[in-house]
N, C-alpha and C. Protein backbone atom coordinates (compact mmCIF):
# COMPACT_ATOMS: atom_id res chain seq x y z
N LYS A 1 0.82 -1.19 0.00
CA LYS A 1 0.00 0.00 0.00
C LYS A 1 0.87 1.26 0.00
N SER A 2 1.95 1.22 0.76
CA SER A 2 2.85 2.39 0.79
C SER A 2 3.50 2.61 -0.56
N THR A 3 3.89 1.51 -1.22
CA THR A 3 4.53 1.62 -2.53
C THR A 3 3.56 2.23 -3.54
N THR A 4 2.34 1.74 -3.56
CA THR A 4 1.33 2.26 -4.49
C THR A 4 1.04 3.73 -4.22
N THR A 5 0.86 4.07 -2.96
CA THR A 5 0.57 5.46 -2.60
C THR A 5 1.74 6.37 -2.93
N GLY A 6 2.96 5.93 -2.62
CA GLY A 6 4.15 6.71 -2.94
C GLY A 6 4.31 6.93 -4.43
N HIS A 7 4.02 5.88 -5.22
CA HIS A 7 4.12 6.00 -6.67
C HIS A 7 3.07 6.98 -7.19
N LEU A 8 1.88 6.93 -6.64
CA LEU A 8 0.82 7.86 -7.04
C LEU A 8 1.20 9.30 -6.70
N ILE A 9 1.76 9.52 -5.52
CA ILE A 9 2.21 10.86 -5.13
C ILE A 9 3.26 11.36 -6.12
N TYR A 10 4.19 10.49 -6.49
CA TYR A 10 5.24 10.85 -7.46
C TYR A 10 4.62 11.20 -8.82
N LYS A 11 3.74 10.34 -9.31
CA LYS A 11 3.13 10.55 -10.63
C LYS A 11 2.28 11.83 -10.68
N CYS A 12 1.72 12.22 -9.55
CA CYS A 12 0.89 13.44 -9.49
C CYS A 12 1.73 14.69 -9.24
N GLY A 13 3.05 14.52 -9.14
CA GLY A 13 3.93 15.67 -8.98
C GLY A 13 4.16 16.10 -7.54
N GLY A 14 3.79 15.25 -6.60
CA GLY A 14 3.95 15.59 -5.19
C GLY A 14 5.35 15.42 -4.67
N ILE A 15 6.21 14.78 -5.46
CA ILE A 15 7.60 14.57 -5.08
C ILE A 15 8.43 14.56 -6.36
N ASP A 16 9.63 15.11 -6.31
CA ASP A 16 10.41 15.26 -7.54
C ASP A 16 11.29 14.04 -7.84
N GLN A 17 11.76 13.99 -9.08
CA GLN A 17 12.58 12.88 -9.57
C GLN A 17 13.86 12.72 -8.75
N ARG A 18 14.48 13.82 -8.37
CA ARG A 18 15.73 13.77 -7.60
C ARG A 18 15.52 13.03 -6.27
N THR A 19 14.40 13.29 -5.62
CA THR A 19 14.11 12.62 -4.35
C THR A 19 13.90 11.13 -4.55
N ILE A 20 13.17 10.76 -5.60
CA ILE A 20 12.96 9.34 -5.90
C ILE A 20 14.29 8.66 -6.19
N GLU A 21 15.17 9.33 -6.92
CA GLU A 21 16.49 8.76 -7.21
C GLU A 21 17.29 8.57 -5.93
N LYS A 22 17.17 9.50 -4.99
CA LYS A 22 17.84 9.38 -3.69
C LYS A 22 17.30 8.17 -2.94
N PHE A 23 15.97 8.03 -2.90
CA PHE A 23 15.35 6.89 -2.23
C PHE A 23 15.78 5.58 -2.89
N GLU A 24 15.86 5.57 -4.22
CA GLU A 24 16.25 4.37 -4.94
C GLU A 24 17.67 3.95 -4.56
N LYS A 25 18.59 4.92 -4.50
CA LYS A 25 19.97 4.63 -4.13
C LYS A 25 20.05 4.09 -2.71
N GLU A 26 19.36 4.75 -1.77
CA GLU A 26 19.37 4.31 -0.38
C GLU A 26 18.75 2.92 -0.23
N ALA A 27 17.65 2.67 -0.95
CA ALA A 27 16.98 1.37 -0.89
C ALA A 27 17.88 0.28 -1.45
N GLU A 28 18.58 0.59 -2.53
CA GLU A 28 19.48 -0.39 -3.14
C GLU A 28 20.60 -0.76 -2.17
N GLU A 29 21.09 0.22 -1.42
CA GLU A 29 22.15 -0.04 -0.45
C GLU A 29 21.69 -1.01 0.65
N LEU A 30 20.39 -1.01 0.94
CA LEU A 30 19.83 -1.93 1.94
C LEU A 30 19.28 -3.21 1.31
N GLY A 31 19.47 -3.35 -0.01
CA GLY A 31 18.97 -4.53 -0.71
C GLY A 31 17.46 -4.51 -0.90
N LYS A 32 16.86 -3.31 -0.94
CA LYS A 32 15.41 -3.17 -1.07
C LYS A 32 15.06 -2.16 -2.16
N LYS A 33 15.68 -2.32 -3.33
CA LYS A 33 15.52 -1.34 -4.40
C LYS A 33 14.06 -1.11 -4.79
N SER A 34 13.23 -2.13 -4.72
CA SER A 34 11.83 -1.98 -5.13
C SER A 34 11.00 -1.17 -4.14
N PHE A 35 11.59 -0.78 -3.01
CA PHE A 35 10.87 -0.04 -1.98
C PHE A 35 10.98 1.48 -2.16
N LYS A 36 11.59 1.95 -3.23
CA LYS A 36 11.84 3.39 -3.38
C LYS A 36 10.58 4.24 -3.26
N TYR A 37 9.47 3.79 -3.79
CA TYR A 37 8.24 4.57 -3.69
C TYR A 37 7.63 4.49 -2.29
N ALA A 38 7.76 3.36 -1.64
CA ALA A 38 7.25 3.22 -0.27
C ALA A 38 7.94 4.22 0.65
N TRP A 39 9.19 4.53 0.37
CA TRP A 39 9.96 5.42 1.23
C TRP A 39 9.50 6.87 1.16
N VAL A 40 8.61 7.18 0.21
CA VAL A 40 7.98 8.50 0.20
C VAL A 40 7.19 8.66 1.51
N LEU A 41 6.60 7.58 1.98
CA LEU A 41 5.79 7.59 3.20
C LEU A 41 6.54 7.03 4.41
N ASP A 42 7.36 6.02 4.19
CA ASP A 42 8.07 5.36 5.30
C ASP A 42 9.34 6.13 5.63
N LYS A 43 9.30 6.90 6.70
CA LYS A 43 10.42 7.77 7.06
C LYS A 43 11.31 7.19 8.16
N LEU A 44 10.76 6.35 9.01
CA LEU A 44 11.53 5.81 10.13
C LEU A 44 12.56 4.78 9.67
N LYS A 45 13.71 4.76 10.31
CA LYS A 45 14.76 3.81 9.97
C LYS A 45 14.26 2.38 10.10
N ALA A 46 13.51 2.10 11.16
CA ALA A 46 12.98 0.75 11.38
C ALA A 46 12.03 0.33 10.25
N GLU A 47 11.24 1.27 9.74
CA GLU A 47 10.33 0.98 8.64
C GLU A 47 11.12 0.58 7.40
N ARG A 48 12.15 1.32 7.13
CA ARG A 48 12.95 1.07 5.93
C ARG A 48 13.75 -0.21 6.03
N GLU A 49 14.29 -0.50 7.19
CA GLU A 49 15.07 -1.72 7.37
C GLU A 49 14.19 -2.97 7.32
N ARG A 50 13.01 -2.89 7.93
CA ARG A 50 12.12 -4.05 8.02
C ARG A 50 11.18 -4.17 6.84
N GLY A 51 11.02 -3.10 6.06
CA GLY A 51 10.14 -3.14 4.90
C GLY A 51 8.66 -3.09 5.26
N ILE A 52 8.34 -2.47 6.40
CA ILE A 52 6.95 -2.35 6.82
C ILE A 52 6.66 -0.91 7.23
N THR A 53 5.39 -0.53 7.17
CA THR A 53 4.99 0.80 7.62
C THR A 53 4.57 0.72 9.08
N ILE A 54 5.20 1.53 9.91
CA ILE A 54 4.89 1.56 11.34
C ILE A 54 4.10 2.81 11.68
N ASP A 55 4.59 3.96 11.25
CA ASP A 55 3.96 5.24 11.55
C ASP A 55 2.93 5.55 10.48
N ILE A 56 1.68 5.74 10.89
CA ILE A 56 0.62 6.00 9.91
C ILE A 56 0.17 7.46 9.93
N ALA A 57 1.05 8.35 10.37
CA ALA A 57 0.74 9.78 10.38
C ALA A 57 0.53 10.27 8.95
N LEU A 58 -0.17 11.36 8.81
CA LEU A 58 -0.42 11.92 7.49
C LEU A 58 0.87 12.36 6.82
N TRP A 59 0.95 12.11 5.50
CA TRP A 59 2.12 12.50 4.71
C TRP A 59 2.06 14.00 4.48
N LYS A 60 3.23 14.64 4.58
CA LYS A 60 3.31 16.08 4.30
C LYS A 60 4.39 16.35 3.30
């Protein structure tokens, strides 16, 4: 769900290409390259390491 929502935010112009590229690089370093869009919403280190969404606060 986070990946789909993050991708939708990106496609609607809510986040720029440079940020997605940064998330992609960071995700690849953790062996989770396909999570780049989820990281638009998943900000906590634990979320990114475990590949799950913990904090469900509104995205800003």
